[in-house]
């Protein structure tokens, strides 16, 4: 929950994780969802499930 409250601190960490885990589809999908939450974007559950199943 602190990630949402302090996006200015978590974004660099998120970016570094994305760079490190870019080759892992599941991790990349999860980080994509987290980035969406951090940026205030509402992601439909169907999209999340499709991403996970596609990975």
PDB file of N, CA and C in Angstrom:
ATOM      1  N   UNK A   1       0.841  -1.208   0.000  1.00  0.00           N
ATOM      2  CA  UNK A   1       0.000   0.000   0.000  1.00  0.00           C
ATOM      3  C   UNK A   1       0.872   1.252   0.000  1.00  0.00           C
ATOM      4  N   UNK A   2       2.042   1.144   0.642  1.00  0.00           N
ATOM      5  CA  UNK A   2       2.969   2.279   0.663  1.00  0.00           C
ATOM      6  C   UNK A   2       3.441   2.633  -0.741  1.00  0.00           C
ATOM      7  N   UNK A   3       3.462   1.643  -1.654  1.00  0.00           N
ATOM      8  CA  UNK A   3       3.896   1.917  -3.021  1.00  0.00           C
ATOM      9  C   UNK A   3       2.963   2.918  -3.679  1.00  0.00           C
ATOM     10  N   UNK A   4       1.639   2.761  -3.417  1.00  0.00           N
ATOM     11  CA  UNK A   4       0.653   3.655  -4.017  1.00  0.00           C
ATOM     12  C   UNK A   4       0.754   5.037  -3.374  1.00  0.00           C
ATOM     13  N   UNK A   5       1.050   5.066  -2.077  1.00  0.00           N
ATOM     14  CA  UNK A   5       1.128   6.329  -1.360  1.00  0.00           C
ATOM     15  C   UNK A   5       2.387   7.113  -1.698  1.00  0.00           C
ATOM     16  N   UNK A   6       3.441   6.404  -2.134  1.00  0.00           N
ATOM     17  CA  UNK A   6       4.711   7.085  -2.402  1.00  0.00           C
ATOM     18  C   UNK A   6       5.276   6.661  -3.761  1.00  0.00           C
ATOM     19  N   UNK A   7       4.563   6.970  -4.843  1.00  0.00           N
ATOM     20  CA  UNK A   7       4.974   6.536  -6.189  1.00  0.00           C
ATOM     21  C   UNK A   7       6.313   7.122  -6.606  1.00  0.00           C
ATOM     22  N   UNK A   8       6.644   8.303  -6.114  1.00  0.00           N
ATOM     23  CA  UNK A   8       7.902   8.940  -6.515  1.00  0.00           C
ATOM     24  C   UNK A   8       9.096   8.130  -6.033  1.00  0.00           C
ATOM     25  N   UNK A   9       8.898   7.349  -4.966  1.00  0.00           N
ATOM     26  CA  UNK A   9       9.996   6.543  -4.436  1.00  0.00           C
ATOM     27  C   UNK A   9      10.021   5.144  -5.050  1.00  0.00           C
ATOM     28  N   UNK A  10       8.842   4.642  -5.435  1.00  0.00           N
ATOM     29  CA  UNK A  10       8.763   3.262  -5.897  1.00  0.00           C
ATOM     30  C   UNK A  10       8.991   3.129  -7.402  1.00  0.00           C
ATOM     31  N   UNK A  11       8.742   4.198  -8.160  1.00  0.00           N
ATOM     32  CA  UNK A  11       8.888   4.111  -9.611  1.00  0.00           C
ATOM     33  C   UNK A  11      10.292   3.721 -10.059  1.00  0.00           C
ATOM     34  N   UNK A  12      11.355   4.311  -9.504  1.00  0.00           N
ATOM     35  CA  UNK A  12      12.710   3.896  -9.910  1.00  0.00           C
ATOM     36  C   UNK A  12      12.956   2.428  -9.609  1.00  0.00           C
ATOM     37  N   UNK A  13      12.456   1.964  -8.461  1.00  0.00           N
ATOM     38  CA  UNK A  13      12.610   0.561  -8.093  1.00  0.00           C
ATOM     39  C   UNK A  13      11.849  -0.322  -9.067  1.00  0.00           C
ATOM     40  N   UNK A  14      10.622   0.096  -9.414  1.00  0.00           N
ATOM     41  CA  UNK A  14       9.806  -0.662 -10.360  1.00  0.00           C
ATOM     42  C   UNK A  14      10.503  -0.749 -11.711  1.00  0.00           C
ATOM     43  N   UNK A  15      11.086   0.361 -12.138  1.00  0.00           N
ATOM     44  CA  UNK A  15      11.774   0.400 -13.428  1.00  0.00           C
ATOM     45  C   UNK A  15      12.960  -0.560 -13.429  1.00  0.00           C
ATOM     46  N   UNK A  16      13.694  -0.605 -12.322  1.00  0.00           N
ATOM     47  CA  UNK A  16      14.858  -1.485 -12.240  1.00  0.00           C
ATOM     48  C   UNK A  16      14.423  -2.940 -12.255  1.00  0.00           C
ATOM     49  N   UNK A  17      13.299  -3.233 -11.600  1.00  0.00           N
ATOM     50  CA  UNK A  17      12.779  -4.601 -11.585  1.00  0.00           C
ATOM     51  C   UNK A  17      12.344  -4.997 -12.990  1.00  0.00           C
ATOM     52  N   UNK A  18      11.675  -4.076 -13.694  1.00  0.00           N
ATOM     53  CA  UNK A  18      11.244  -4.349 -15.062  1.00  0.00           C
ATOM     54  C   UNK A  18      12.442  -4.671 -15.939  1.00  0.00           C
ATOM     55  N   UNK A  19      13.525  -3.928 -15.786  1.00  0.00           N
ATOM     56  CA  UNK A  19      14.724  -4.159 -16.583  1.00  0.00           C
ATOM     57  C   UNK A  19      15.344  -5.514 -16.264  1.00  0.00           C
ATOM     58  N   UNK A  20      15.339  -5.885 -14.989  1.00  0.00           N
ATOM     59  CA  UNK A  20      15.967  -7.134 -14.564  1.00  0.00           C
ATOM     60  C   UNK A  20      15.125  -8.350 -14.927  1.00  0.00           C
ATOM     61  N   UNK A  21      13.796  -8.188 -14.913  1.00  0.00           N
ATOM     62  CA  UNK A  21      12.907  -9.330 -15.110  1.00  0.00           C
ATOM     63  C   UNK A  21      12.240  -9.310 -16.484  1.00  0.00           C
ATOM     64  N   UNK A  22      12.747  -8.493 -17.399  1.00  0.00           N
ATOM     65  CA  UNK A  22      12.094  -8.291 -18.693  1.00  0.00           C
ATOM     66  C   UNK A  22      11.935  -9.596 -19.470  1.00  0.00           C
ATOM     67  N   UNK A  23      12.806 -10.574 -19.206  1.00  0.00           N
ATOM     68  CA  UNK A  23      12.766 -11.824 -19.959  1.00  0.00           C
ATOM     69  C   UNK A  23      11.809 -12.843 -19.358  1.00  0.00           C
ATOM     70  N   UNK A  24      11.181 -12.492 -18.242  1.00  0.00           N
ATOM     71  CA  UNK A  24      10.242 -13.417 -17.599  1.00  0.00           C
ATOM     72  C   UNK A  24       8.821 -12.888 -17.788  1.00  0.00           C
ATOM     73  N   UNK A  25       8.044 -13.509 -18.692  1.00  0.00           N
ATOM     74  CA  UNK A  25       6.704 -13.019 -19.054  1.00  0.00           C
ATOM     75  C   UNK A  25       5.796 -12.811 -17.852  1.00  0.00           C
ATOM     76  N   UNK A  26       5.779 -13.749 -16.914  1.00  0.00           N
ATOM     77  CA  UNK A  26       4.882 -13.638 -15.767  1.00  0.00           C
ATOM     78  C   UNK A  26       5.272 -12.451 -14.904  1.00  0.00           C
ATOM     79  N   UNK A  27       6.560 -12.323 -14.617  1.00  0.00           N
ATOM     80  CA  UNK A  27       7.033 -11.196 -13.814  1.00  0.00           C
ATOM     81  C   UNK A  27       6.724  -9.892 -14.539  1.00  0.00           C
ATOM     82  N   UNK A  28       6.953  -9.879 -15.849  1.00  0.00           N
ATOM     83  CA  UNK A  28       6.717  -8.681 -16.645  1.00  0.00           C
ATOM     84  C   UNK A  28       5.244  -8.300 -16.604  1.00  0.00           C
ATOM     85  N   UNK A  29       4.362  -9.307 -16.657  1.00  0.00           N
ATOM     86  CA  UNK A  29       2.923  -9.057 -16.595  1.00  0.00           C
ATOM     87  C   UNK A  29       2.529  -8.471 -15.259  1.00  0.00           C
ATOM     88  N   UNK A  30       3.097  -9.021 -14.190  1.00  0.00           N
ATOM     89  CA  UNK A  30       2.796  -8.529 -12.844  1.00  0.00           C
ATOM     90  C   UNK A  30       3.272  -7.090 -12.688  1.00  0.00           C
ATOM     91  N   UNK A  31       4.478  -6.805 -13.172  1.00  0.00           N
ATOM     92  CA  UNK A  31       5.025  -5.457 -13.044  1.00  0.00           C
ATOM     93  C   UNK A  31       4.220  -4.469 -13.887  1.00  0.00           C
ATOM     94  N   UNK A  32       3.690  -4.954 -15.020  1.00  0.00           N
ATOM     95  CA  UNK A  32       2.853  -4.103 -15.862  1.00  0.00           C
ATOM     96  C   UNK A  32       1.603  -3.689 -15.098  1.00  0.00           C
ATOM     97  N   UNK A  33       1.031  -4.652 -14.371  1.00  0.00           N
ATOM     98  CA  UNK A  33      -0.161  -4.372 -13.569  1.00  0.00           C
ATOM     99  C   UNK A  33       0.172  -3.379 -12.457  1.00  0.00           C
ATOM    100  N   UNK A  34       1.323  -3.597 -11.801  1.00  0.00           N
ATOM    101  CA  UNK A  34       1.738  -2.707 -10.712  1.00  0.00           C
ATOM    102  C   UNK A  34       1.982  -1.295 -11.239  1.00  0.00           C
ATOM    103  N   UNK A  35       2.608  -1.204 -12.410  1.00  0.00           N
ATOM    104  CA  UNK A  35       2.858   0.115 -13.001  1.00  0.00           C
ATOM    105  C   UNK A  35       1.537   0.805 -13.311  1.00  0.00           C
ATOM    106  N   UNK A  36       0.555   0.027 -13.762  1.00  0.00           N
ATOM    107  CA  UNK A  36      -0.764   0.588 -14.053  1.00  0.00           C
ATOM    108  C   UNK A  36      -1.412   1.138 -12.798  1.00  0.00           C
ATOM    109  N   UNK A  37      -1.278   0.404 -11.697  1.00  0.00           N
ATOM    110  CA  UNK A  37      -1.844   0.847 -10.421  1.00  0.00           C
ATOM    111  C   UNK A  37      -1.140   2.117  -9.953  1.00  0.00           C
ATOM    112  N   UNK A  38       0.190   2.126 -10.081  1.00  0.00           N
ATOM    113  CA  UNK A  38       0.972   3.279  -9.627  1.00  0.00           C
ATOM    114  C   UNK A  38       0.632   4.522 -10.436  1.00  0.00           C
ATOM    115  N   UNK A  39       0.344   4.338 -11.718  1.00  0.00           N
ATOM    116  CA  UNK A  39       0.056   5.485 -12.571  1.00  0.00           C
ATOM    117  C   UNK A  39      -1.411   5.881 -12.487  1.00  0.00           C
ATOM    118  N   UNK A  40      -2.200   5.151 -11.691  1.00  0.00           N
ATOM    119  CA  UNK A  40      -3.599   5.504 -11.494  1.00  0.00           C
ATOM    120  C   UNK A  40      -4.501   4.913 -12.557  1.00  0.00           C
ATOM    121  N   UNK A  41      -3.969   3.994 -13.360  1.00  0.00           N
ATOM    122  CA  UNK A  41      -4.773   3.379 -14.409  1.00  0.00           C
ATOM    123  C   UNK A  41      -5.544   2.190 -13.852  1.00  0.00           C
ATOM    124  N   UNK A  42      -6.833   2.125 -14.155  1.00  0.00           N
ATOM    125  CA  UNK A  42      -7.646   0.998 -13.702  1.00  0.00           C
ATOM    126  C   UNK A  42      -7.576  -0.106 -14.751  1.00  0.00           C
ATOM    127  N   UNK A  43      -7.045  -1.264 -14.357  1.00  0.00           N
ATOM    128  CA  UNK A  43      -6.890  -2.374 -15.289  1.00  0.00           C
ATOM    129  C   UNK A  43      -7.964  -3.431 -15.020  1.00  0.00           C
ATOM    130  N   UNK A  44      -8.787  -3.753 -16.023  1.00  0.00           N
ATOM    131  CA  UNK A  44      -9.832  -4.764 -15.860  1.00  0.00           C
ATOM    132  C   UNK A  44      -9.238  -6.112 -15.473  1.00  0.00           C
ATOM    133  N   UNK A  45      -9.964  -6.867 -14.649  1.00  0.00           N
ATOM    134  CA  UNK A  45      -9.480  -8.166 -14.195  1.00  0.00           C
ATOM    135  C   UNK A  45      -9.290  -9.110 -15.377  1.00  0.00           C
ATOM    136  N   UNK A  46     -10.166  -8.999 -16.381  1.00  0.00           N
ATOM    137  CA  UNK A  46     -10.054  -9.857 -17.560  1.00  0.00           C
ATOM    138  C   UNK A  46      -8.713  -9.647 -18.254  1.00  0.00           C
ATOM    139  N   UNK A  47      -8.269  -8.406 -18.319  1.00  0.00           N
ATOM    140  CA  UNK A  47      -6.990  -8.099 -18.956  1.00  0.00           C
ATOM    141  C   UNK A  47      -5.850  -8.726 -18.178  1.00  0.00           C
ATOM    142  N   UNK A  48      -5.947  -8.665 -16.844  1.00  0.00           N
ATOM    143  CA  UNK A  48      -4.909  -9.245 -15.999  1.00  0.00           C
ATOM    144  C   UNK A  48      -4.861 -10.752 -16.195  1.00  0.00           C
ATOM    145  N   UNK A  49      -6.025 -11.388 -16.199  1.00  0.00           N
ATOM    146  CA  UNK A  49      -6.087 -12.841 -16.359  1.00  0.00           C
ATOM    147  C   UNK A  49      -5.561 -13.249 -17.730  1.00  0.00           C
ATOM    148  N   UNK A  50      -5.921 -12.492 -18.752  1.00  0.00           N
ATOM    149  CA  UNK A  50      -5.463 -12.802 -20.107  1.00  0.00           C
ATOM    150  C   UNK A  50      -3.949 -12.694 -20.196  1.00  0.00           C
ATOM    151  N   UNK A  51      -3.395 -11.697 -19.522  1.00  0.00           N
ATOM    152  CA  UNK A  51      -1.947 -11.504 -19.528  1.00  0.00           C
ATOM    153  C   UNK A  51      -1.258 -12.674 -18.851  1.00  0.00           C
ATOM    154  N   UNK A  52      -1.794 -13.102 -17.718  1.00  0.00           N
ATOM    155  CA  UNK A  52      -1.192 -14.199 -16.971  1.00  0.00           C
ATOM    156  C   UNK A  52      -1.301 -15.507 -17.750  1.00  0.00           C
ATOM    157  N   UNK A  53      -2.460 -15.751 -18.368  1.00  0.00           N
ATOM    158  CA  UNK A  53      -2.661 -16.985 -19.126  1.00  0.00           C
ATOM    159  C   UNK A  53      -1.803 -16.987 -20.386  1.00  0.00           C
ATOM    160  N   UNK A  54      -1.639 -15.801 -20.986  1.00  0.00           N
ATOM    161  CA  UNK A  54      -0.836 -15.690 -22.195  1.00  0.00           C
ATOM    162  C   UNK A  54       0.630 -15.968 -21.909  1.00  0.00           C
ATOM    163  N   UNK A  55       1.044 -15.651 -20.686  1.00  0.00           N
ATOM    164  CA  UNK A  55       2.438 -15.873 -20.311  1.00  0.00           C
ATOM    165  C   UNK A  55       2.680 -17.359 -20.119  1.00  0.00           C
TER     166      UNK A  55
END
